[in-house]
Amino acid sequence: MDEVFGLFPTPFMRAPGTLGRPVVARLIEHFTARAIRDNNSSAHLVHTEMLRPNDSPVLVEAAGLIAPKLVDFGTYLFGERLPWLLKEMWVNVLEAGGRQAMHNHANSFVSGVVYLTRTHPSSQTVFMKPPGGTDFLFKNDHQGMTPNEYCADKWISPAPEPGDMVLFPSYLMHAVPPNQGERRITLSFNAIPSQLDSWGYVVRFVG
């Protein structure tokens, strides 16, 4: 029987119900009004300042629920169950008509999003294949072709429920298309492992 293998795939974790509804409600109540920093590319998107888990008891609780998932996801990146540190967290408030331009996250290894409200289908997070790399210089792209995980250049993440979380490598490009629905609130974060060991050459990180 013929087999097709996905060589060196990019891991992406979807973790439904990571945060329970009481924690989600407290995050919305506590941080929505604190989201006053304007976004550079959209007048209908604002953020909180960069936060650390110890800035608020509800962030401490949220971080405690996120941490085990980071350990699990980290094994796909580094082949070992390492301790992980949440470097920073922030809340995003996206109103109708708002969007988030394509970007990735510097100075971290894993990034994540926890969805705190329902998300209109128009504003589900979109992930993009990195530019360059080993792609063919010619492209087969027309109405009759069917994109798949090997030839698509973007992927729309599954429709989330409040409390659902996604984790992905921080280098992965992503964006939020224009929101055609109600207010969309998310908690984003960046994380780093405690250390990486390459045959005795150890690099330690401090969050």
N, C-alpha and C. Protein backbone atom coordinates (compact mmCIF):
# COMPACT_ATOMS: atom_id res chain seq x y z
N MET A 1 0.84 -1.20 0.00
CA MET A 1 0.00 0.00 0.00
C MET A 1 0.88 1.25 0.00
N ASP A 2 0.54 2.20 -0.85
CA ASP A 2 1.28 3.46 -0.90
C ASP A 2 1.07 4.25 0.39
N GLU A 3 2.08 4.97 0.82
CA GLU A 3 1.99 5.81 2.01
C GLU A 3 2.55 7.19 1.70
N VAL A 4 1.95 8.20 2.30
CA VAL A 4 2.46 9.56 2.22
C VAL A 4 2.79 10.03 3.64
N PHE A 5 4.00 10.51 3.85
CA PHE A 5 4.44 10.97 5.16
C PHE A 5 4.57 12.49 5.15
N GLY A 6 4.15 13.11 6.24
CA GLY A 6 4.39 14.54 6.42
C GLY A 6 5.74 14.75 7.06
N LEU A 7 6.73 15.17 6.30
CA LEU A 7 8.08 15.32 6.83
C LEU A 7 8.25 16.68 7.50
N PHE A 8 8.76 16.66 8.72
CA PHE A 8 9.06 17.88 9.46
C PHE A 8 7.87 18.83 9.54
N PRO A 9 6.72 18.35 9.99
CA PRO A 9 5.53 19.21 10.04
C PRO A 9 5.63 20.24 11.16
N THR A 10 4.82 21.28 11.06
CA THR A 10 4.73 22.33 12.08
C THR A 10 3.65 21.94 13.08
N PRO A 11 3.99 21.81 14.38
CA PRO A 11 2.96 21.44 15.36
C PRO A 11 2.04 22.61 15.66
N PHE A 12 0.78 22.29 15.90
CA PHE A 12 -0.23 23.28 16.29
C PHE A 12 -1.18 22.56 17.23
N MET A 13 -1.37 23.10 18.42
CA MET A 13 -2.22 22.44 19.42
C MET A 13 -3.51 23.23 19.62
N ARG A 14 -4.62 22.53 19.58
CA ARG A 14 -5.91 23.11 19.97
C ARG A 14 -6.33 22.42 21.26
N ALA A 15 -6.56 23.20 22.30
CA ALA A 15 -6.88 22.66 23.63
C ALA A 15 -8.23 23.21 24.08
N PRO A 16 -9.32 22.50 23.76
CA PRO A 16 -10.66 23.00 24.12
C PRO A 16 -10.83 23.10 25.64
N GLY A 17 -11.52 24.15 26.08
CA GLY A 17 -11.89 24.28 27.48
C GLY A 17 -10.73 24.39 28.44
N THR A 18 -9.61 24.96 28.01
CA THR A 18 -8.47 25.11 28.91
C THR A 18 -8.82 25.97 30.12
N LEU A 19 -9.52 27.05 29.89
CA LEU A 19 -9.99 27.90 30.98
C LEU A 19 -11.49 27.73 31.14
N GLY A 20 -11.92 27.50 32.37
CA GLY A 20 -13.35 27.36 32.65
C GLY A 20 -14.06 28.70 32.57
N ARG A 21 -15.37 28.64 32.51
CA ARG A 21 -16.16 29.86 32.34
C ARG A 21 -15.97 30.87 33.48
N PRO A 22 -15.84 30.45 34.75
CA PRO A 22 -15.61 31.46 35.80
C PRO A 22 -14.32 32.25 35.59
N VAL A 23 -13.24 31.57 35.19
CA VAL A 23 -11.98 32.27 34.94
C VAL A 23 -12.12 33.19 33.74
N VAL A 24 -12.76 32.69 32.69
CA VAL A 24 -12.98 33.51 31.49
C VAL A 24 -13.75 34.78 31.85
N ALA A 25 -14.81 34.63 32.64
CA ALA A 25 -15.63 35.79 33.01
C ALA A 25 -14.83 36.80 33.81
N ARG A 26 -13.98 36.33 34.72
CA ARG A 26 -13.17 37.24 35.53
C ARG A 26 -12.13 37.96 34.68
N LEU A 27 -11.55 37.26 33.72
CA LEU A 27 -10.59 37.91 32.83
C LEU A 27 -11.25 39.03 32.02
N ILE A 28 -12.43 38.74 31.50
CA ILE A 28 -13.15 39.76 30.73
C ILE A 28 -13.47 40.96 31.61
N GLU A 29 -13.99 40.68 32.80
CA GLU A 29 -14.39 41.76 33.71
C GLU A 29 -13.19 42.61 34.13
N HIS A 30 -12.08 41.95 34.40
CA HIS A 30 -10.93 42.64 34.97
C HIS A 30 -10.12 43.42 33.93
N PHE A 31 -10.03 42.89 32.71
CA PHE A 31 -9.06 43.45 31.77
C PHE A 31 -9.65 44.18 30.57
N THR A 32 -10.92 44.01 30.28
CA THR A 32 -11.48 44.69 29.10
C THR A 32 -11.30 46.20 29.19
N ALA A 33 -11.60 46.77 30.34
CA ALA A 33 -11.48 48.22 30.50
C ALA A 33 -10.02 48.68 30.50
N ARG A 34 -9.08 47.77 30.72
CA ARG A 34 -7.67 48.12 30.74
C ARG A 34 -7.03 48.04 29.35
N ALA A 35 -7.79 47.61 28.37
CA ALA A 35 -7.27 47.53 27.00
C ALA A 35 -7.40 48.91 26.35
N ILE A 36 -6.38 49.72 26.50
CA ILE A 36 -6.44 51.11 26.02
C ILE A 36 -5.29 51.45 25.07
N ARG A 37 -4.44 50.47 24.75
CA ARG A 37 -3.33 50.72 23.84
C ARG A 37 -3.79 50.47 22.41
N ASP A 38 -3.67 51.48 21.56
CA ASP A 38 -4.12 51.36 20.18
C ASP A 38 -3.24 50.39 19.39
N ASN A 39 -3.86 49.70 18.45
CA ASN A 39 -3.14 48.85 17.53
C ASN A 39 -2.57 49.70 16.39
N ASN A 40 -1.43 49.28 15.86
CA ASN A 40 -0.77 50.08 14.82
C ASN A 40 -1.49 50.06 13.48
N SER A 41 -2.29 49.02 13.22
CA SER A 41 -2.87 48.88 11.89
C SER A 41 -4.39 48.92 11.86
N SER A 42 -5.04 48.93 13.02
CA SER A 42 -6.50 48.93 13.04
C SER A 42 -7.02 49.83 14.14
N ALA A 43 -7.92 50.73 13.78
CA ALA A 43 -8.50 51.65 14.76
C ALA A 43 -9.53 50.98 15.65
N HIS A 44 -9.92 49.76 15.31
CA HIS A 44 -10.95 49.05 16.07
C HIS A 44 -10.37 47.88 16.87
N LEU A 45 -9.07 47.96 17.16
CA LEU A 45 -8.41 46.94 17.96
C LEU A 45 -7.55 47.62 19.01
N VAL A 46 -7.73 47.22 20.27
CA VAL A 46 -6.92 47.76 21.37
C VAL A 46 -6.41 46.61 22.22
N HIS A 47 -5.34 46.89 22.96
CA HIS A 47 -4.68 45.89 23.78
C HIS A 47 -4.43 46.45 25.18
N THR A 48 -4.24 45.55 26.13
CA THR A 48 -3.70 45.96 27.42
C THR A 48 -2.20 46.14 27.29
N GLU A 49 -1.57 46.67 28.31
CA GLU A 49 -0.11 46.64 28.38
C GLU A 49 0.34 45.20 28.58
N MET A 50 1.63 44.96 28.40
CA MET A 50 2.17 43.63 28.63
C MET A 50 2.06 43.29 30.12
N LEU A 51 1.52 42.11 30.40
CA LEU A 51 1.26 41.69 31.77
C LEU A 51 2.08 40.45 32.10
N ARG A 52 2.30 40.24 33.39
CA ARG A 52 2.92 39.01 33.89
C ARG A 52 1.91 38.30 34.78
N PRO A 53 2.03 36.98 34.90
CA PRO A 53 1.03 36.25 35.69
C PRO A 53 0.83 36.80 37.09
N ASN A 54 1.91 37.25 37.74
CA ASN A 54 1.77 37.72 39.12
C ASN A 54 1.17 39.12 39.22
N ASP A 55 0.75 39.71 38.09
CA ASP A 55 0.11 41.02 38.13
C ASP A 55 -1.33 40.95 38.64
N SER A 56 -1.92 39.77 38.66
CA SER A 56 -3.32 39.65 39.07
C SER A 56 -3.60 38.21 39.49
N PRO A 57 -4.41 38.00 40.54
CA PRO A 57 -4.75 36.63 40.94
C PRO A 57 -5.40 35.82 39.83
N VAL A 58 -6.22 36.47 38.99
CA VAL A 58 -6.87 35.71 37.92
C VAL A 58 -5.86 35.30 36.85
N LEU A 59 -4.82 36.10 36.65
CA LEU A 59 -3.76 35.69 35.72
C LEU A 59 -2.94 34.54 36.29
N VAL A 60 -2.73 34.56 37.60
CA VAL A 60 -2.04 33.43 38.25
C VAL A 60 -2.83 32.14 38.02
N GLU A 61 -4.15 32.23 38.20
CA GLU A 61 -4.99 31.05 37.99
C GLU A 61 -4.97 30.60 36.54
N ALA A 62 -5.07 31.56 35.62
CA ALA A 62 -5.04 31.22 34.20
C ALA A 62 -3.70 30.59 33.82
N ALA A 63 -2.61 31.16 34.32
CA ALA A 63 -1.29 30.63 34.00
C ALA A 63 -1.12 29.20 34.51
N GLY A 64 -1.69 28.92 35.68
CA GLY A 64 -1.61 27.57 36.22
C GLY A 64 -2.33 26.54 35.36
N LEU A 65 -3.37 26.95 34.67
CA LEU A 65 -4.11 26.06 33.78
C LEU A 65 -3.44 25.94 32.41
N ILE A 66 -2.75 26.99 32.01
CA ILE A 66 -2.07 26.98 30.72
C ILE A 66 -0.77 26.18 30.78
N ALA A 67 -0.06 26.25 31.90
CA ALA A 67 1.29 25.69 32.02
C ALA A 67 1.39 24.22 31.62
N PRO A 68 0.50 23.32 32.08
CA PRO A 68 0.64 21.91 31.69
C PRO A 68 0.53 21.70 30.18
N LYS A 69 -0.27 22.51 29.52
CA LYS A 69 -0.40 22.40 28.06
C LYS A 69 0.90 22.82 27.37
N LEU A 70 1.58 23.82 27.93
CA LEU A 70 2.86 24.24 27.38
C LEU A 70 3.89 23.11 27.48
N VAL A 71 3.90 22.41 28.60
CA VAL A 71 4.82 21.29 28.77
C VAL A 71 4.52 20.22 27.72
N ASP A 72 3.24 19.90 27.54
CA ASP A 72 2.87 18.89 26.54
C ASP A 72 3.29 19.32 25.14
N PHE A 73 2.98 20.57 24.79
CA PHE A 73 3.29 21.05 23.45
C PHE A 73 4.79 21.13 23.22
N GLY A 74 5.53 21.49 24.26
CA GLY A 74 6.98 21.62 24.13
C GLY A 74 7.67 20.34 23.74
N THR A 75 7.08 19.19 24.06
CA THR A 75 7.71 17.92 23.68
C THR A 75 7.74 17.76 22.16
N TYR A 76 6.79 18.36 21.46
CA TYR A 76 6.80 18.28 19.99
C TYR A 76 7.89 19.16 19.39
N LEU A 77 8.26 20.22 20.09
CA LEU A 77 9.29 21.13 19.59
C LEU A 77 10.70 20.67 19.96
N PHE A 78 10.87 20.17 21.19
CA PHE A 78 12.20 19.90 21.70
C PHE A 78 12.41 18.47 22.18
N GLY A 79 11.40 17.61 22.09
CA GLY A 79 11.57 16.20 22.42
C GLY A 79 11.77 15.92 23.90
N GLU A 80 11.36 16.83 24.77
CA GLU A 80 11.58 16.67 26.21
C GLU A 80 10.53 17.47 26.97
N ARG A 81 10.11 16.93 28.11
CA ARG A 81 9.14 17.64 28.96
C ARG A 81 9.90 18.64 29.84
N LEU A 82 9.98 19.85 29.35
CA LEU A 82 10.72 20.91 30.02
C LEU A 82 9.78 21.82 30.81
N PRO A 83 10.27 22.45 31.88
CA PRO A 83 9.50 23.53 32.51
C PRO A 83 9.41 24.72 31.55
N TRP A 84 8.27 25.39 31.56
CA TRP A 84 8.07 26.54 30.68
C TRP A 84 7.72 27.77 31.50
N LEU A 85 8.12 28.94 31.01
CA LEU A 85 7.87 30.21 31.67
C LEU A 85 7.00 31.08 30.77
N LEU A 86 5.95 31.65 31.34
CA LEU A 86 5.13 32.61 30.62
C LEU A 86 5.81 33.98 30.70
N LYS A 87 6.36 34.44 29.58
CA LYS A 87 7.09 35.71 29.56
C LYS A 87 6.16 36.90 29.75
N GLU A 88 5.08 36.89 28.97
CA GLU A 88 4.16 38.03 28.98
C GLU A 88 2.79 37.57 28.51
N MET A 89 1.78 38.31 28.96
CA MET A 89 0.40 38.04 28.58
C MET A 89 -0.26 39.39 28.29
N TRP A 90 -1.24 39.39 27.42
CA TRP A 90 -1.98 40.62 27.13
C TRP A 90 -3.36 40.28 26.59
N VAL A 91 -4.28 41.20 26.80
CA VAL A 91 -5.66 41.01 26.36
C VAL A 91 -5.92 41.91 25.16
N ASN A 92 -6.59 41.34 24.16
CA ASN A 92 -6.94 42.05 22.93
C ASN A 92 -8.45 42.21 22.84
N VAL A 93 -8.91 43.41 22.51
CA VAL A 93 -10.34 43.68 22.34
C VAL A 93 -10.54 44.16 20.90
N LEU A 94 -11.21 43.32 20.11
CA LEU A 94 -11.42 43.58 18.69
C LEU A 94 -12.89 43.89 18.46
N GLU A 95 -13.17 45.12 18.06
CA GLU A 95 -14.54 45.52 17.78
C GLU A 95 -14.90 45.18 16.33
N ALA A 96 -16.18 45.33 15.99
CA ALA A 96 -16.62 45.10 14.61
C ALA A 96 -15.84 46.00 13.66
N GLY A 97 -15.36 45.42 12.58
CA GLY A 97 -14.56 46.16 11.61
C GLY A 97 -13.08 46.13 11.88
N GLY A 98 -12.68 45.68 13.06
CA GLY A 98 -11.26 45.62 13.40
C GLY A 98 -10.59 44.39 12.83
N ARG A 99 -9.27 44.44 12.75
CA ARG A 99 -8.49 43.32 12.24
C ARG A 99 -7.11 43.36 12.88
N GLN A 100 -6.39 42.27 12.74
CA GLN A 100 -5.00 42.24 13.18
C GLN A 100 -4.14 41.85 11.98
N ALA A 101 -3.17 42.68 11.64
CA ALA A 101 -2.32 42.43 10.49
C ALA A 101 -1.45 41.20 10.71
N MET A 102 -0.95 40.64 9.62
CA MET A 102 -0.09 39.46 9.69
C MET A 102 1.17 39.78 10.49
N HIS A 103 1.52 38.88 11.40
CA HIS A 103 2.68 39.10 12.26
C HIS A 103 3.10 37.77 12.87
N ASN A 104 4.26 37.77 13.49
CA ASN A 104 4.66 36.67 14.37
C ASN A 104 5.21 37.29 15.65
N HIS A 105 5.75 36.46 16.55
CA HIS A 105 6.14 36.95 17.87
C HIS A 105 7.64 36.72 18.09
N ALA A 106 8.36 37.78 18.37
CA ALA A 106 9.80 37.70 18.59
C ALA A 106 10.11 37.32 20.04
N ASN A 107 11.34 36.84 20.24
CA ASN A 107 11.89 36.58 21.58
C ASN A 107 11.07 35.59 22.39
N SER A 108 10.49 34.60 21.73
CA SER A 108 9.79 33.52 22.43
C SER A 108 9.79 32.29 21.53
N PHE A 109 9.43 31.15 22.11
CA PHE A 109 9.41 29.90 21.35
C PHE A 109 7.99 29.41 21.09
N VAL A 110 7.10 29.61 22.05
CA VAL A 110 5.71 29.21 21.88
C VAL A 110 4.82 30.42 22.17
N SER A 111 3.84 30.61 21.33
CA SER A 111 2.83 31.65 21.56
C SER A 111 1.47 30.99 21.63
N GLY A 112 0.53 31.66 22.26
CA GLY A 112 -0.79 31.08 22.41
C GLY A 112 -1.88 32.13 22.47
N VAL A 113 -3.09 31.67 22.20
CA VAL A 113 -4.27 32.52 22.28
C VAL A 113 -5.35 31.75 23.02
N VAL A 114 -5.95 32.39 24.02
CA VAL A 114 -7.15 31.86 24.68
C VAL A 114 -8.31 32.75 24.26
N TYR A 115 -9.34 32.14 23.71
CA TYR A 115 -10.51 32.89 23.25
C TYR A 115 -11.46 33.08 24.43
N LEU A 116 -11.77 34.33 24.74
CA LEU A 116 -12.59 34.64 25.91
C LEU A 116 -14.05 34.89 25.55
N THR A 117 -14.32 35.21 24.30
CA THR A 117 -15.69 35.40 23.83
C THR A 117 -15.89 34.53 22.60
N ARG A 118 -17.12 34.43 22.16
CA ARG A 118 -17.38 33.75 20.89
C ARG A 118 -16.73 34.53 19.76
N THR A 119 -16.32 33.81 18.73
CA THR A 119 -15.63 34.41 17.60
C THR A 119 -16.48 34.28 16.35
N HIS A 120 -16.77 35.39 15.71
CA HIS A 120 -17.50 35.35 14.44
C HIS A 120 -16.65 34.61 13.40
N PRO A 121 -17.27 33.82 12.54
CA PRO A 121 -16.49 33.08 11.53
C PRO A 121 -15.56 33.96 10.70
N SER A 122 -15.94 35.22 10.52
CA SER A 122 -15.10 36.12 9.72
C SER A 122 -13.77 36.43 10.38
N SER A 123 -13.69 36.28 11.70
CA SER A 123 -12.48 36.69 12.42
C SER A 123 -11.78 35.53 13.11
N GLN A 124 -11.96 34.31 12.59
CA GLN A 124 -11.17 33.19 13.08
C GLN A 124 -9.71 33.40 12.68
N THR A 125 -8.80 33.08 13.58
CA THR A 125 -7.39 33.32 13.33
C THR A 125 -6.91 32.54 12.11
N VAL A 126 -6.17 33.23 11.25
CA VAL A 126 -5.64 32.61 10.03
C VAL A 126 -4.12 32.48 10.18
N PHE A 127 -3.60 31.30 9.87
CA PHE A 127 -2.16 31.04 9.93
C PHE A 127 -1.62 30.91 8.51
N MET A 128 -0.43 31.46 8.29
CA MET A 128 0.16 31.51 6.96
C MET A 128 1.46 30.72 6.90
N LYS A 129 1.67 30.11 5.75
CA LYS A 129 2.95 29.47 5.50
C LYS A 129 4.04 30.54 5.42
N PRO A 130 5.19 30.34 6.07
CA PRO A 130 6.24 31.36 6.02
C PRO A 130 6.69 31.61 4.58
N PRO A 131 6.98 32.85 4.23
CA PRO A 131 7.46 33.14 2.88
C PRO A 131 8.85 32.56 2.65
N GLY A 132 9.16 32.31 1.39
CA GLY A 132 10.47 31.74 1.07
C GLY A 132 10.49 30.25 1.33
N GLY A 133 11.57 29.76 1.88
CA GLY A 133 11.67 28.34 2.19
C GLY A 133 11.98 27.51 0.96
N THR A 134 11.37 26.32 0.89
CA THR A 134 11.69 25.36 -0.17
C THR A 134 10.54 25.16 -1.14
N ASP A 135 9.62 26.10 -1.23
CA ASP A 135 8.50 25.97 -2.16
C ASP A 135 8.98 26.05 -3.60
N PHE A 136 8.19 25.43 -4.48
CA PHE A 136 8.44 25.57 -5.91
C PHE A 136 8.26 27.03 -6.31
N LEU A 137 8.97 27.45 -7.36
CA LEU A 137 8.80 28.81 -7.85
C LEU A 137 7.54 28.96 -8.68
N PHE A 138 6.99 27.84 -9.12
CA PHE A 138 5.71 27.85 -9.83
C PHE A 138 4.61 27.43 -8.86
N LYS A 139 3.42 27.93 -9.07
CA LYS A 139 2.31 27.64 -8.18
C LYS A 139 1.11 27.17 -8.98
N ASN A 140 0.41 26.17 -8.48
CA ASN A 140 -0.83 25.69 -9.09
C ASN A 140 -1.98 26.21 -8.24
N ASP A 141 -2.64 27.26 -8.70
CA ASP A 141 -3.65 27.93 -7.88
C ASP A 141 -4.79 28.40 -8.78
N HIS A 142 -5.91 27.70 -8.74
CA HIS A 142 -7.05 28.06 -9.57
C HIS A 142 -8.30 27.43 -8.98
N GLN A 143 -9.45 27.71 -9.58
CA GLN A 143 -10.73 27.28 -9.02
C GLN A 143 -10.87 25.76 -8.94
N GLY A 144 -10.19 25.06 -9.82
CA GLY A 144 -10.35 23.61 -9.87
C GLY A 144 -9.44 22.83 -8.94
N MET A 145 -8.49 23.50 -8.26
CA MET A 145 -7.59 22.76 -7.37
C MET A 145 -8.14 22.76 -5.95
N THR A 146 -7.74 21.76 -5.17
CA THR A 146 -8.19 21.62 -3.79
C THR A 146 -7.00 21.77 -2.85
N PRO A 147 -6.92 22.85 -2.09
CA PRO A 147 -5.79 23.02 -1.16
C PRO A 147 -5.80 21.93 -0.08
N ASN A 148 -4.62 21.54 0.35
CA ASN A 148 -4.48 20.60 1.47
C ASN A 148 -3.31 21.04 2.33
N GLU A 149 -2.99 20.22 3.34
CA GLU A 149 -1.97 20.64 4.30
C GLU A 149 -0.58 20.74 3.67
N TYR A 150 -0.40 20.21 2.48
CA TYR A 150 0.91 20.27 1.83
C TYR A 150 1.04 21.43 0.85
N CYS A 151 -0.06 21.84 0.23
CA CYS A 151 0.05 22.86 -0.82
C CYS A 151 -0.65 24.18 -0.48
N ALA A 152 -1.41 24.23 0.61
CA ALA A 152 -2.08 25.48 0.97
C ALA A 152 -1.07 26.49 1.49
N ASP A 153 -1.35 27.78 1.28
CA ASP A 153 -0.46 28.81 1.83
C ASP A 153 -1.06 29.51 3.04
N LYS A 154 -2.29 29.14 3.42
CA LYS A 154 -2.86 29.64 4.66
C LYS A 154 -3.88 28.64 5.18
N TRP A 155 -4.18 28.76 6.48
CA TRP A 155 -5.07 27.81 7.15
C TRP A 155 -5.90 28.57 8.17
N ILE A 156 -7.21 28.37 8.13
CA ILE A 156 -8.10 29.01 9.09
C ILE A 156 -8.28 28.09 10.28
N SER A 157 -7.95 28.56 11.45
CA SER A 157 -8.04 27.73 12.65
C SER A 157 -9.49 27.39 12.96
N PRO A 158 -9.72 26.27 13.67
CA PRO A 158 -11.10 25.84 13.96
C PRO A 158 -11.87 26.89 14.76
N ALA A 159 -13.17 26.89 14.58
CA ALA A 159 -14.03 27.83 15.32
C ALA A 159 -13.91 27.55 16.82
N PRO A 160 -13.52 28.54 17.61
CA PRO A 160 -13.33 28.31 19.05
C PRO A 160 -14.57 28.63 19.86
N GLU A 161 -14.61 28.06 21.06
CA GLU A 161 -15.57 28.42 22.09
C GLU A 161 -14.83 29.18 23.19
N PRO A 162 -15.53 29.99 23.99
CA PRO A 162 -14.86 30.67 25.09
C PRO A 162 -14.14 29.68 26.01
N GLY A 163 -12.88 29.97 26.31
CA GLY A 163 -12.06 29.09 27.13
C GLY A 163 -11.15 28.20 26.33
N ASP A 164 -11.37 28.08 25.02
CA ASP A 164 -10.49 27.27 24.18
C ASP A 164 -9.16 27.98 23.97
N MET A 165 -8.10 27.19 23.79
CA MET A 165 -6.76 27.74 23.61
C MET A 165 -6.09 27.09 22.41
N VAL A 166 -5.24 27.85 21.73
CA VAL A 166 -4.37 27.29 20.71
C VAL A 166 -2.93 27.65 21.04
N LEU A 167 -2.01 26.74 20.73
CA LEU A 167 -0.58 26.94 20.92
C LEU A 167 0.12 26.70 19.59
N PHE A 168 1.16 27.49 19.32
CA PHE A 168 1.87 27.35 18.06
C PHE A 168 3.28 27.92 18.20
N PRO A 169 4.22 27.50 17.34
CA PRO A 169 5.56 28.09 17.39
C PRO A 169 5.49 29.59 17.12
N SER A 170 6.26 30.35 17.87
CA SER A 170 6.16 31.80 17.80
C SER A 170 6.54 32.38 16.44
N TYR A 171 7.30 31.62 15.65
CA TYR A 171 7.69 32.12 14.34
C TYR A 171 6.57 32.04 13.31
N LEU A 172 5.49 31.34 13.62
CA LEU A 172 4.43 31.10 12.64
C LEU A 172 3.64 32.39 12.40
N MET A 173 3.55 32.79 11.14
CA MET A 173 2.82 34.00 10.79
C MET A 173 1.32 33.78 10.96
N HIS A 174 0.63 34.81 11.47
CA HIS A 174 -0.82 34.69 11.66
C HIS A 174 -1.46 36.07 11.62
N ALA A 175 -2.77 36.09 11.44
CA ALA A 175 -3.50 37.35 11.31
C ALA A 175 -4.96 37.10 11.68
N VAL A 176 -5.68 38.19 11.89
CA VAL A 176 -7.12 38.12 12.12
C VAL A 176 -7.80 38.98 11.06
N PRO A 177 -8.62 38.39 10.19
CA PRO A 177 -9.32 39.17 9.16
C PRO A 177 -10.33 40.12 9.80
N PRO A 178 -10.86 41.07 9.02
CA PRO A 178 -11.84 42.03 9.55
C PRO A 178 -13.01 41.33 10.24
N ASN A 179 -13.30 41.78 11.44
CA ASN A 179 -14.35 41.19 12.26
C ASN A 179 -15.72 41.71 11.82
N GLN A 180 -16.56 40.82 11.34
CA GLN A 180 -17.90 41.20 10.91
C GLN A 180 -18.96 40.90 11.97
N GLY A 181 -18.50 40.52 13.16
CA GLY A 181 -19.43 40.17 14.23
C GLY A 181 -19.30 41.09 15.42
N GLU A 182 -19.65 40.56 16.58
CA GLU A 182 -19.60 41.34 17.81
C GLU A 182 -18.18 41.40 18.37
N ARG A 183 -18.05 42.12 19.48
CA ARG A 183 -16.75 42.28 20.12
C ARG A 183 -16.10 40.92 20.35
N ARG A 184 -14.82 40.83 20.04
CA ARG A 184 -14.03 39.60 20.17
C ARG A 184 -12.89 39.87 21.14
N ILE A 185 -12.83 39.11 22.23
CA ILE A 185 -11.81 39.33 23.26
C ILE A 185 -10.96 38.08 23.39
N THR A 186 -9.66 38.26 23.40
CA THR A 186 -8.73 37.14 23.53
C THR A 186 -7.63 37.48 24.53
N LEU A 187 -7.05 36.44 25.10
CA LEU A 187 -5.86 36.55 25.94
C LEU A 187 -4.71 35.90 25.18
N SER A 188 -3.68 36.68 24.87
CA SER A 188 -2.52 36.16 24.16
C SER A 188 -1.32 36.09 25.10
N PHE A 189 -0.36 35.25 24.75
CA PHE A 189 0.83 35.13 25.60
C PHE A 189 1.99 34.55 24.80
N ASN A 190 3.19 34.77 25.34
CA ASN A 190 4.43 34.19 24.82
C ASN A 190 5.10 33.39 25.93
N ALA A 191 5.78 32.32 25.54
CA ALA A 191 6.40 31.45 26.53
C ALA A 191 7.78 30.98 26.06
N ILE A 192 8.64 30.69 27.03
CA ILE A 192 9.98 30.18 26.75
C ILE A 192 10.26 29.01 27.68
N PRO A 193 11.08 28.04 27.24
CA PRO A 193 11.46 26.95 28.13
C PRO A 193 12.48 27.45 29.16
N SER A 194 12.62 26.69 30.23
CA SER A 194 13.59 27.10 31.25
C SER A 194 15.01 27.02 30.73
N GLN A 195 15.27 26.05 29.84
CA GLN A 195 16.60 25.93 29.27
C GLN A 195 16.56 25.02 28.05
N LEU A 196 17.60 25.11 27.23
CA LEU A 196 17.83 24.18 26.12
C LEU A 196 19.24 23.65 26.25
N ASP A 197 19.40 22.35 26.08
CA ASP A 197 20.69 21.67 26.28
C ASP A 197 21.08 20.97 24.98
N SER A 198 22.16 21.45 24.35
CA SER A 198 22.67 20.81 23.14
C SER A 198 23.99 20.14 23.46
N TRP A 199 23.91 18.88 23.93
CA TRP A 199 25.09 18.09 24.28
C TRP A 199 26.03 18.85 25.20
N GLY A 200 25.46 19.40 26.26
CA GLY A 200 26.25 20.06 27.28
C GLY A 200 26.35 21.56 27.13
N TYR A 201 26.04 22.08 25.94
CA TYR A 201 26.00 23.54 25.77
C TYR A 201 24.60 23.98 26.18
N VAL A 202 24.48 24.54 27.37
CA VAL A 202 23.18 24.83 27.96
C VAL A 202 22.91 26.33 27.92
N VAL A 203 21.76 26.67 27.40
CA VAL A 203 21.29 28.06 27.42
C VAL A 203 20.08 28.12 28.33
N ARG A 204 20.14 28.95 29.36
CA ARG A 204 19.03 29.09 30.30
C ARG A 204 18.31 30.41 30.05
N PHE A 205 16.99 30.37 30.23
CA PHE A 205 16.16 31.55 29.98
C PHE A 205 15.49 31.97 31.28
N VAL A 206 15.33 33.26 31.44
CA VAL A 206 14.65 33.82 32.61
C VAL A 206 13.48 34.64 32.11
N GLY A 207 12.25 34.33 32.60
CA GLY A 207 11.06 35.03 32.14
C GLY A 207 10.86 36.34 32.87
